[in-house]
Protein backbone atom coordinates (compact mmCIF):
# COMPACT_ATOMS: atom_id res chain seq x y z
CA MET A 1 143.52 51.05 86.03
CA THR A 2 144.57 53.83 83.60
CA VAL A 3 144.32 57.32 84.89
CA ARG A 4 144.49 60.26 82.51
CA ARG A 5 144.96 63.82 83.57
CA VAL A 6 143.66 67.01 82.02
CA SER A 7 144.60 70.33 83.58
CA SER A 8 144.27 73.91 82.81
CA ALA A 9 146.82 76.66 83.34
CA GLU A 10 146.61 78.88 86.30
CA PHE A 11 144.07 81.58 85.82
CA PRO A 12 144.19 84.91 87.54
CA ILE A 13 141.21 86.55 89.22
CA PRO A 14 141.62 89.94 90.78
CA ALA A 15 139.66 89.19 94.08
CA ARG A 16 140.16 87.76 97.46
CA ALA A 17 140.09 84.02 97.94
CA GLY A 18 136.99 84.17 100.13
CA THR A 19 135.02 85.96 97.45
CA VAL A 20 136.10 83.37 94.71
CA TRP A 21 135.13 80.60 97.17
CA SER A 22 131.76 82.09 97.85
CA VAL A 23 130.88 82.23 94.24
CA LEU A 24 132.41 78.75 93.55
CA THR A 25 130.33 77.14 96.32
CA ASP A 26 127.11 78.99 95.63
CA LEU A 27 125.55 75.84 94.00
CA GLU A 28 122.04 77.56 93.46
CA SER A 29 123.58 80.31 91.30
CA TYR A 30 125.27 78.02 88.86
CA PRO A 31 122.53 78.13 86.21
CA ALA A 32 122.90 81.92 86.04
CA TRP A 33 126.49 82.00 85.26
CA ASN A 34 128.30 78.67 84.99
CA PRO A 35 128.69 77.33 81.38
CA PHE A 36 130.18 74.04 82.42
CA LEU A 37 128.13 72.96 85.52
CA ARG A 38 124.63 74.06 84.36
CA LYS A 39 123.11 72.84 87.62
CA ALA A 40 124.49 71.63 91.05
CA GLU A 41 122.53 70.46 93.98
CA GLY A 42 123.78 69.17 97.31
CA ARG A 43 125.12 70.32 100.66
CA HIS A 44 128.42 71.78 101.58
CA GLY A 45 131.35 70.03 103.12
CA SER A 46 133.72 67.11 102.66
CA GLY A 47 131.79 63.82 102.07
CA ALA A 48 128.64 65.69 100.69
CA ARG A 49 126.91 64.19 97.73
CA TRP A 50 126.08 66.38 94.78
CA ARG A 51 124.00 65.95 91.73
CA LEU A 52 125.52 67.78 88.74
CA ALA A 53 124.31 68.55 85.37
CA LEU A 54 127.48 69.27 83.18
CA THR A 55 128.05 69.88 79.65
CA LEU A 56 130.99 68.59 77.70
CA ASN A 57 130.06 70.18 74.35
CA GLY A 58 128.42 73.48 75.49
CA ARG A 59 124.87 72.17 74.67
CA ALA A 60 123.79 68.72 75.90
CA CYS A 61 123.86 68.04 79.64
CA LEU A 62 124.99 64.97 81.32
CA THR A 63 123.65 64.34 84.83
CA LEU A 64 125.82 62.51 87.26
CA ARG A 65 126.16 62.08 91.09
CA ALA A 66 129.46 63.13 92.70
CA GLN A 67 130.92 63.16 96.23
CA VAL A 68 132.84 66.08 97.48
CA THR A 69 136.36 64.60 98.47
CA CYS A 70 137.96 67.86 99.64
CA TRP A 71 136.31 70.89 101.11
CA ASP A 72 138.97 73.42 102.31
CA PRO A 73 137.13 76.76 102.32
CA GLY A 74 139.05 79.53 100.38
CA ARG A 75 141.65 76.95 99.06
CA ARG A 76 140.44 73.82 97.48
CA LEU A 77 137.41 72.00 96.29
CA THR A 78 137.40 68.45 94.82
CA TRP A 79 134.71 66.16 93.77
CA ARG A 80 134.62 62.76 92.19
CA GLY A 81 131.79 61.30 90.06
CA GLY A 82 131.17 58.66 87.36
CA ILE A 83 128.65 57.05 85.15
CA ALA A 84 126.38 54.37 86.50
CA MET A 85 129.10 51.78 86.52
CA PRO A 86 132.06 53.62 88.05
CA HIS A 87 134.74 51.10 86.92
CA LEU A 88 133.94 52.09 83.41
CA LEU A 89 134.66 55.88 83.71
CA THR A 90 135.07 58.08 86.81
CA GLY A 91 136.26 61.76 86.86
CA CYS A 92 137.67 63.91 89.52
CA HIS A 93 137.47 67.73 89.34
CA ASP A 94 139.95 69.61 91.52
CA VAL A 95 139.96 73.45 91.97
CA ARG A 96 142.54 75.25 93.87
CA ILE A 97 142.60 78.87 94.86
CA VAL A 98 146.09 80.21 95.41
CA GLU A 99 146.47 83.71 96.89
CA THR A 100 148.74 86.06 94.85
CA ARG A 101 149.66 89.85 95.18
CA GLN A 102 146.98 90.55 92.45
CA GLY A 103 144.24 88.53 93.82
CA VAL A 104 144.13 84.74 93.33
CA SER A 105 145.25 82.24 90.92
CA LEU A 106 142.69 79.49 89.99
CA VAL A 107 144.03 76.15 89.14
CA GLN A 108 141.55 73.44 87.73
CA ALA A 109 142.44 69.81 87.00
CA GLY A 110 140.40 66.86 85.71
CA THR A 111 141.42 63.24 86.18
CA PHE A 112 139.69 60.42 84.31
CA ALA A 113 140.09 56.68 85.15
CA GLY A 114 138.31 53.43 84.24
CA LEU A 115 138.06 51.10 81.31
CA LEU A 116 136.73 53.66 78.96
CA ALA A 117 139.27 56.36 79.88
CA PRO A 118 141.99 55.51 77.43
CA GLY A 119 139.62 55.41 74.31
CA LEU A 120 137.68 58.54 75.36
CA PHE A 121 140.60 60.53 76.73
CA PRO A 122 141.53 62.44 73.48
CA TRP A 123 137.95 63.64 73.13
CA LEU A 124 137.55 64.30 76.88
CA ARG A 125 140.81 66.27 77.01
CA THR A 126 139.63 68.59 74.23
CA CYS A 127 136.20 69.04 75.73
CA MET A 128 137.51 69.64 79.31
CA GLN A 129 140.06 72.08 78.30
CA ALA A 130 137.49 74.18 76.47
CA ARG A 131 134.93 73.92 79.32
CA PHE A 132 137.58 74.83 81.99
CA ALA A 133 138.49 77.90 79.89
CA GLU A 134 134.91 78.92 79.72
CA LEU A 135 134.37 78.27 83.52
CA ASN A 136 137.40 80.33 84.33
CA GLU A 137 136.18 83.35 82.39
CA ALA A 138 132.60 82.99 83.71
CA LEU A 139 133.86 82.67 87.23
CA ARG A 140 135.99 85.81 86.88
CA ALA A 141 133.08 87.72 85.40
CA GLU A 142 130.70 86.64 88.26
CA VAL A 143 133.10 87.49 90.92
CA ALA A 144 133.52 90.99 89.38
CA ARG A 145 129.82 91.29 89.18
CA ARG A 146 129.32 90.45 92.93
CA ILE A 147 132.20 92.71 93.93
CA ALA A 148 130.67 95.64 91.96
CA GLU A 149 127.11 94.87 93.62
CA THR A 150 128.53 95.25 97.01
CA ALA A 151 130.64 98.33 96.28
């Protein structure tokens, strides 16, 4: 099976890892700030199943089911999902939070596999890189908003 990887550069967020984690895992608030994952439902923890509405083009949403494969509070969140027939196309979204002197560095990566991955990969790479950049900026803004709220 062909695996294709899309990744974003490290993105700085001037906040503590716990604050970034709390925003990242507050699924109910996604519609208010998240331009990539417009809606997310599910419980917390490794093995949890989520229902996600994501947008690849900034407009139309694709709903899929995903499973959380890594839940390491304040450090890493990974989920895997696919279209109805997983052997056709599956995706894995991995978010790492790395503490730095200035706050944290957020690293996102997406991996696609399946029979459709090679043909769709150029389009998926372009879409995902744009969505990751939007998500990074929106996450930083939401973290800043919540910090200001509590100050």
